[in-house]
Protein backbone atom coordinates (compact mmCIF):
# COMPACT_ATOMS: atom_id res chain seq x y z
CA MET A 1 21.07 2.04 -17.76
CA PRO A 2 22.16 4.44 -14.99
CA GLY A 3 22.01 3.20 -11.42
CA HIS A 4 19.42 4.13 -8.84
CA VAL A 5 19.63 7.43 -6.99
CA THR A 6 18.44 7.11 -3.41
CA ARG A 7 18.46 9.42 -0.41
CA PHE A 8 18.36 9.46 3.34
CA ALA A 9 16.66 12.57 4.71
CA PRO A 10 16.85 12.89 8.51
CA SER A 11 15.70 15.84 10.59
CA PRO A 12 18.34 17.18 13.02
CA THR A 13 16.05 17.03 16.03
CA GLY A 14 17.74 14.19 17.93
CA ARG A 15 20.27 11.36 17.72
CA LEU A 16 19.96 8.63 15.12
CA HIS A 17 18.78 5.22 16.32
CA LEU A 18 18.60 1.72 14.84
CA GLY A 19 15.51 2.60 12.81
CA HIS A 20 17.37 5.43 11.11
CA ALA A 21 20.32 3.13 10.49
CA PHE A 22 18.05 0.59 8.81
CA SER A 23 16.58 3.23 6.50
CA ALA A 24 19.94 4.77 5.63
CA LEU A 25 21.60 1.40 5.01
CA THR A 26 18.68 0.18 2.91
CA ALA A 27 18.90 3.29 0.72
CA TRP A 28 22.69 2.93 0.54
CA ASN A 29 22.50 -0.73 -0.46
CA ILE A 30 19.92 -0.11 -3.18
CA ALA A 31 22.15 2.58 -4.69
CA GLU A 32 25.34 0.53 -4.33
CA ASN A 33 23.85 -2.65 -5.77
CA SER A 34 22.72 -0.78 -8.90
CA GLY A 35 25.91 1.22 -9.38
CA GLY A 36 24.00 4.37 -8.48
CA LYS A 37 24.31 7.22 -6.00
CA PHE A 38 23.30 7.79 -2.39
CA GLU A 39 22.27 11.34 -1.42
CA LEU A 40 22.02 12.82 2.06
CA ARG A 41 19.50 15.58 2.72
CA ILE A 42 19.15 17.37 6.05
CA GLU A 43 15.47 18.23 6.48
CA ASP A 44 15.84 21.17 8.85
CA ILE A 45 12.84 23.33 7.97
CA ASP A 46 11.51 22.81 11.50
CA THR A 47 13.72 25.59 12.81
CA GLY A 48 12.17 25.45 16.27
CA ARG A 49 13.46 21.92 16.91
CA SER A 50 16.48 21.57 14.61
CA ARG A 51 19.86 21.86 16.29
CA PRO A 52 23.36 22.11 14.73
CA GLU A 53 24.73 19.66 17.29
CA PHE A 54 22.23 17.04 16.13
CA GLU A 55 23.22 17.61 12.49
CA ALA A 56 26.87 17.12 13.42
CA ALA A 57 25.95 13.91 15.25
CA ILE A 58 24.02 12.64 12.22
CA LEU A 59 27.04 13.14 9.98
CA GLU A 60 29.27 11.41 12.53
CA ASP A 61 26.94 8.40 12.86
CA LEU A 62 26.51 7.93 9.11
CA ALA A 63 30.24 8.23 8.44
CA TRP A 64 30.87 5.64 11.18
CA LEU A 65 28.46 3.28 9.39
CA GLY A 66 30.62 3.69 6.28
CA LEU A 67 28.24 5.81 4.23
CA ARG A 68 29.41 8.55 1.89
CA TRP A 69 27.47 11.22 0.04
CA PRO A 70 28.07 14.06 -2.46
CA LYS A 71 29.24 17.45 -1.23
CA PRO A 72 28.16 20.13 -0.53
CA LEU A 73 25.57 18.83 1.89
CA TRP A 74 21.94 19.41 0.86
CA ARG A 75 19.98 21.35 3.50
CA GLN A 76 16.33 22.29 3.23
CA SER A 77 16.90 25.50 5.19
CA ALA A 78 18.88 26.77 2.18
CA ARG A 79 16.07 25.84 -0.22
CA LEU A 80 13.27 28.14 0.94
CA PRO A 81 13.30 30.20 -2.31
CA ALA A 82 12.74 27.00 -4.33
CA TYR A 83 9.73 26.09 -2.21
CA ALA A 84 8.35 29.62 -2.53
CA THR A 85 8.65 29.37 -6.31
CA ALA A 86 6.79 26.06 -6.35
CA LEU A 87 4.05 27.46 -4.11
CA GLU A 88 3.71 30.49 -6.40
CA ARG A 89 3.07 28.16 -9.34
CA LEU A 90 0.14 26.69 -7.45
CA LYS A 91 -1.13 30.14 -6.45
CA VAL A 92 -1.12 31.33 -10.06
CA THR A 93 -3.23 28.35 -11.12
CA GLY A 94 -5.64 28.75 -8.20
CA LEU A 95 -4.79 25.39 -6.66
CA VAL A 96 -4.01 26.69 -3.16
CA TYR A 97 -5.82 29.05 -0.83
CA PRO A 98 -4.91 30.94 2.34
CA CYS A 99 -6.18 29.56 5.63
CA THR A 100 -6.29 31.21 9.04
CA CYS A 101 -8.04 28.39 10.90
CA SER A 102 -6.52 27.32 14.20
CA ARG A 103 -6.50 23.73 15.41
CA ARG A 104 -9.38 24.65 17.71
CA ASP A 105 -11.37 26.01 14.75
CA ILE A 106 -10.86 22.79 12.82
CA THR A 107 -11.82 20.63 15.78
CA ALA A 108 -15.01 22.64 16.29
CA ALA A 109 -15.94 22.41 12.61
CA LEU A 110 -15.47 18.64 12.68
CA SER A 111 -17.73 18.15 15.70
CA ALA A 112 -20.78 17.56 13.51
CA PRO A 113 -21.66 13.84 13.21
CA GLN A 114 -21.51 13.87 9.42
CA GLU A 115 -17.88 14.92 9.33
CA GLY A 116 -15.11 12.34 9.24
CA ALA A 117 -11.47 12.39 10.18
CA ALA A 118 -8.33 10.61 9.17
CA ASP A 119 -4.88 10.30 10.67
CA PHE A 120 -3.05 12.25 7.98
CA ASP A 121 -1.48 15.42 9.36
CA GLY A 122 -4.42 15.42 11.79
CA PRO A 123 -8.14 15.46 10.91
CA VAL A 124 -9.19 16.01 7.30
CA TYR A 125 -9.70 19.75 6.90
CA PRO A 126 -13.41 20.65 6.53
CA GLY A 127 -12.78 23.36 3.93
CA THR A 128 -13.72 26.39 6.03
CA CYS A 129 -11.42 28.76 4.10
CA ARG A 130 -11.77 27.09 0.72
CA GLY A 131 -12.40 29.67 -1.97
CA ARG A 132 -10.73 32.41 0.02
CA ARG A 133 -8.29 34.53 -1.97
CA ASP A 134 -7.25 37.32 0.42
CA ALA A 135 -4.11 36.33 2.27
CA PRO A 136 -3.78 38.12 5.61
CA PRO A 137 -0.44 38.05 7.42
CA GLY A 138 0.10 34.76 9.20
CA ALA A 139 -2.05 32.68 6.85
CA ALA A 140 -1.09 29.16 5.90
CA TRP A 141 -1.64 27.88 2.35
CA ARG A 142 -3.71 24.77 1.69
CA LEU A 143 -4.02 22.64 -1.41
CA ASP A 144 -7.48 22.82 -3.00
CA LEU A 145 -7.60 19.08 -3.58
CA ALA A 146 -10.83 19.03 -5.61
CA ALA A 147 -9.45 21.73 -7.91
CA ALA A 148 -6.18 19.83 -8.23
CA ILE A 149 -8.00 16.64 -9.22
CA ALA A 150 -10.02 18.59 -11.78
CA ARG A 151 -6.83 20.19 -13.14
CA LEU A 152 -5.42 16.71 -13.74
CA GLY A 153 -8.52 15.64 -15.66
CA GLY A 154 -10.84 14.32 -12.96
CA PRO A 155 -11.08 10.98 -11.13
CA GLN A 156 -10.77 8.77 -14.20
CA ALA A 157 -7.66 10.56 -15.42
CA LEU A 158 -6.25 10.49 -11.91
CA ALA A 159 -6.54 6.70 -11.87
CA GLN A 160 -4.04 6.62 -14.72
CA LEU A 161 -1.40 8.12 -12.44
CA VAL A 162 0.30 5.16 -10.85
CA MET A 163 2.77 4.58 -8.03
CA ARG A 164 5.29 1.78 -8.45
CA GLU A 165 6.17 0.25 -5.07
CA THR A 166 9.09 -2.17 -4.72
CA GLY A 167 9.22 -2.34 -0.92
CA PRO A 168 8.15 -5.39 1.08
CA VAL A 169 5.05 -3.76 2.59
CA ALA A 170 2.82 -3.39 -0.49
CA PRO A 171 4.77 -4.21 -3.66
CA GLY A 172 3.15 -3.60 -7.00
CA VAL A 173 1.68 -0.81 -9.09
CA HIS A 174 -1.02 1.27 -7.42
CA ALA A 175 -3.35 3.82 -9.01
CA LEU A 176 -4.36 7.12 -7.47
CA ASP A 177 -7.89 7.05 -6.06
CA ALA A 178 -9.67 10.42 -6.05
CA GLU A 179 -12.28 9.35 -3.50
CA ALA A 180 -9.63 8.07 -1.10
CA LEU A 181 -7.60 11.24 -1.44
CA ILE A 182 -10.60 13.42 -0.65
CA ALA A 183 -11.72 11.24 2.27
CA GLU A 184 -8.31 10.56 3.81
CA VAL A 185 -6.04 13.46 2.81
CA GLY A 186 -8.16 16.49 1.99
CA ASP A 187 -6.89 20.05 1.68
CA VAL A 188 -3.50 19.65 3.37
CA VAL A 189 -1.24 22.53 4.35
CA LEU A 190 1.50 23.03 1.76
CA ALA A 191 2.99 26.11 3.39
CA ARG A 192 2.95 26.67 7.12
CA LYS A 193 2.69 30.27 8.25
CA ASP A 194 5.93 30.07 10.24
CA ILE A 195 8.26 28.52 7.64
CA GLY A 196 6.58 29.12 4.27
CA THR A 197 6.57 25.47 3.25
CA SER A 198 5.69 22.01 4.59
CA TYR A 199 7.18 18.55 4.58
CA HIS A 200 4.97 17.52 1.63
CA LEU A 201 5.89 20.43 -0.63
CA ALA A 202 9.57 20.46 0.30
CA VAL A 203 10.15 16.74 -0.13
CA VAL A 204 8.49 16.64 -3.57
CA VAL A 205 10.45 19.66 -4.80
CA ASP A 206 13.73 18.30 -3.42
CA ASP A 207 13.32 14.75 -4.71
CA ALA A 208 12.86 16.17 -8.22
CA ALA A 209 15.76 18.61 -7.87
CA GLN A 210 18.12 15.90 -6.61
CA GLY A 211 17.07 13.43 -9.30
CA ILE A 212 15.93 10.82 -6.80
CA SER A 213 14.87 7.72 -8.72
CA HIS A 214 13.97 5.55 -5.70
CA VAL A 215 12.38 7.05 -2.59
CA VAL A 216 13.38 4.79 0.30
CA ARG A 217 11.58 5.41 3.60
CA GLY A 218 9.63 3.73 6.38
CA ALA A 219 6.21 2.17 5.97
CA ASP A 220 4.73 4.86 8.23
CA LEU A 221 5.19 7.38 5.41
CA MET A 222 3.36 5.29 2.81
CA VAL A 223 0.17 7.22 3.59
CA ALA A 224 1.80 10.36 2.12
CA THR A 225 2.71 8.79 -1.22
CA PRO A 226 -0.61 9.43 -3.06
CA LEU A 227 -0.40 13.13 -2.19
CA HIS A 228 3.22 13.30 -3.31
CA ARG A 229 2.34 11.55 -6.58
CA LEU A 230 -0.43 14.08 -7.17
CA LEU A 231 1.92 17.01 -6.52
CA GLN A 232 4.49 15.51 -8.90
CA ALA A 233 1.82 15.41 -11.59
CA LEU A 234 0.80 19.02 -10.95
CA PHE A 235 4.41 20.20 -11.26
CA GLY A 236 5.28 17.88 -14.16
CA TYR A 237 8.08 16.25 -12.18
CA PRO A 238 9.62 12.86 -12.96
CA VAL A 239 8.01 10.04 -11.03
CA PRO A 240 10.28 7.98 -8.76
CA VAL A 241 9.85 4.42 -7.61
CA TRP A 242 8.91 4.04 -3.94
CA HIS A 243 10.45 1.52 -1.58
CA HIS A 244 8.75 1.54 1.83
CA HIS A 245 10.55 -0.70 4.28
CA ARG A 246 9.53 -2.25 7.57
CA LEU A 247 9.85 -0.29 10.79
CA ILE A 248 12.31 -1.22 13.52
CA ARG A 249 10.46 -1.72 16.81
CA ASP A 250 11.35 -2.31 20.44
CA GLU A 251 10.52 -5.41 22.49
CA SER A 252 6.97 -4.18 23.12
CA GLY A 253 6.32 -3.61 19.43
CA ARG A 254 6.54 0.18 19.51
CA ARG A 255 8.33 2.02 16.74
CA LEU A 256 11.69 3.40 17.87
CA ALA A 257 11.77 7.13 18.69
CA LYS A 258 14.64 9.58 19.08
CA ARG A 259 14.00 9.69 22.82
CA ASP A 260 14.99 6.00 23.06
CA GLN A 261 18.65 6.57 23.86
CA ALA A 262 19.29 2.87 24.54
CA ARG A 263 19.11 2.22 20.79
CA ALA A 264 20.86 5.40 19.69
CA LEU A 265 23.79 4.64 17.42
CA ALA A 266 26.09 6.72 19.63
CA THR A 267 25.12 4.67 22.67
CA LEU A 268 25.63 1.39 20.87
CA ARG A 269 28.98 2.59 19.57
CA GLU A 270 30.08 3.55 23.08
CA GLU A 271 29.12 0.06 24.23
CA GLY A 272 31.50 -1.44 21.67
CA ALA A 273 29.23 -2.16 18.70
CA THR A 274 30.80 -2.07 15.24
CA PRO A 275 29.12 -1.15 11.93
CA ALA A 276 29.02 -4.88 11.14
CA ASP A 277 27.21 -5.46 14.45
CA ILE A 278 24.61 -2.84 13.51
CA ARG A 279 23.99 -4.55 10.18
CA ALA A 280 23.62 -7.87 11.94
CA MET A 281 21.15 -6.43 14.46
CA LEU A 282 19.07 -5.16 11.55
CA GLY A 283 19.26 -8.31 9.44
CA LEU A 284 21.49 -6.56 6.90
CA ARG A 285 24.49 -8.88 7.07
CA THR A 286 25.42 -8.13 3.47
CA ALA A 287 24.86 -5.22 1.10
CA ALA A 288 22.22 -7.17 -0.78
CA VAL A 289 19.01 -5.22 -0.27
CA ARG A 290 17.78 -4.91 -3.82
CA ALA A 291 15.08 -2.71 -5.35
């Protein structure tokens, strides 16, 4: 059987830190241990924050760690036509709708006591623009989640769509839950008005295009997996295995952020750390992180 295909997909909005190193090395080890392939994807669709100097630093840090990846480098900024094509497929089937609501509009609509909220891309959208078909300039495009569930056969059929998780956080096989999706995810934005796509749409399209067999990422992104599984079903994409790993935290228990320069790989390198030291700091003394 062919080996696993994994990827590391950083955004060039800052320097890599120990948490990024853990994710990249975990993905690398899973690919290496299976005789597979490690892909690097630069997720630079956030053009307002992405910087070429940060991309260059990412490549430098990963090469220093000993990682290698296929060329040419995969950049999301060069993939906008692919995302537009995917969005058009959803438009044709009536599974997305234009939305002109501002954050203030959504907050006001959710002020009623009967409305709930969840921490998934902000509060669950109340559906103000649902059913709208005219698309004025500057509109975002939202997934009509109820229509998508119906398209896939309804809640019972949805429960047959499973997610295989091999990571240490919640290993096992998990079924999609229509009620949880509606309550916790809702009609998410699939195309922002400024860039024509979103993280959720772009990552699903790219994972399929790159043939990613094992999606390796932090446990904080596990909440997005049911939505990504649903989108894969709508597009008829192959279904990967997910491997959500633990997060690297500081002494106070907070997840590392790009602003934490003390744990930036460049800083540690300047202080004399070696790639072997980085592995030791992360508990990756050997290349034996298996899927």
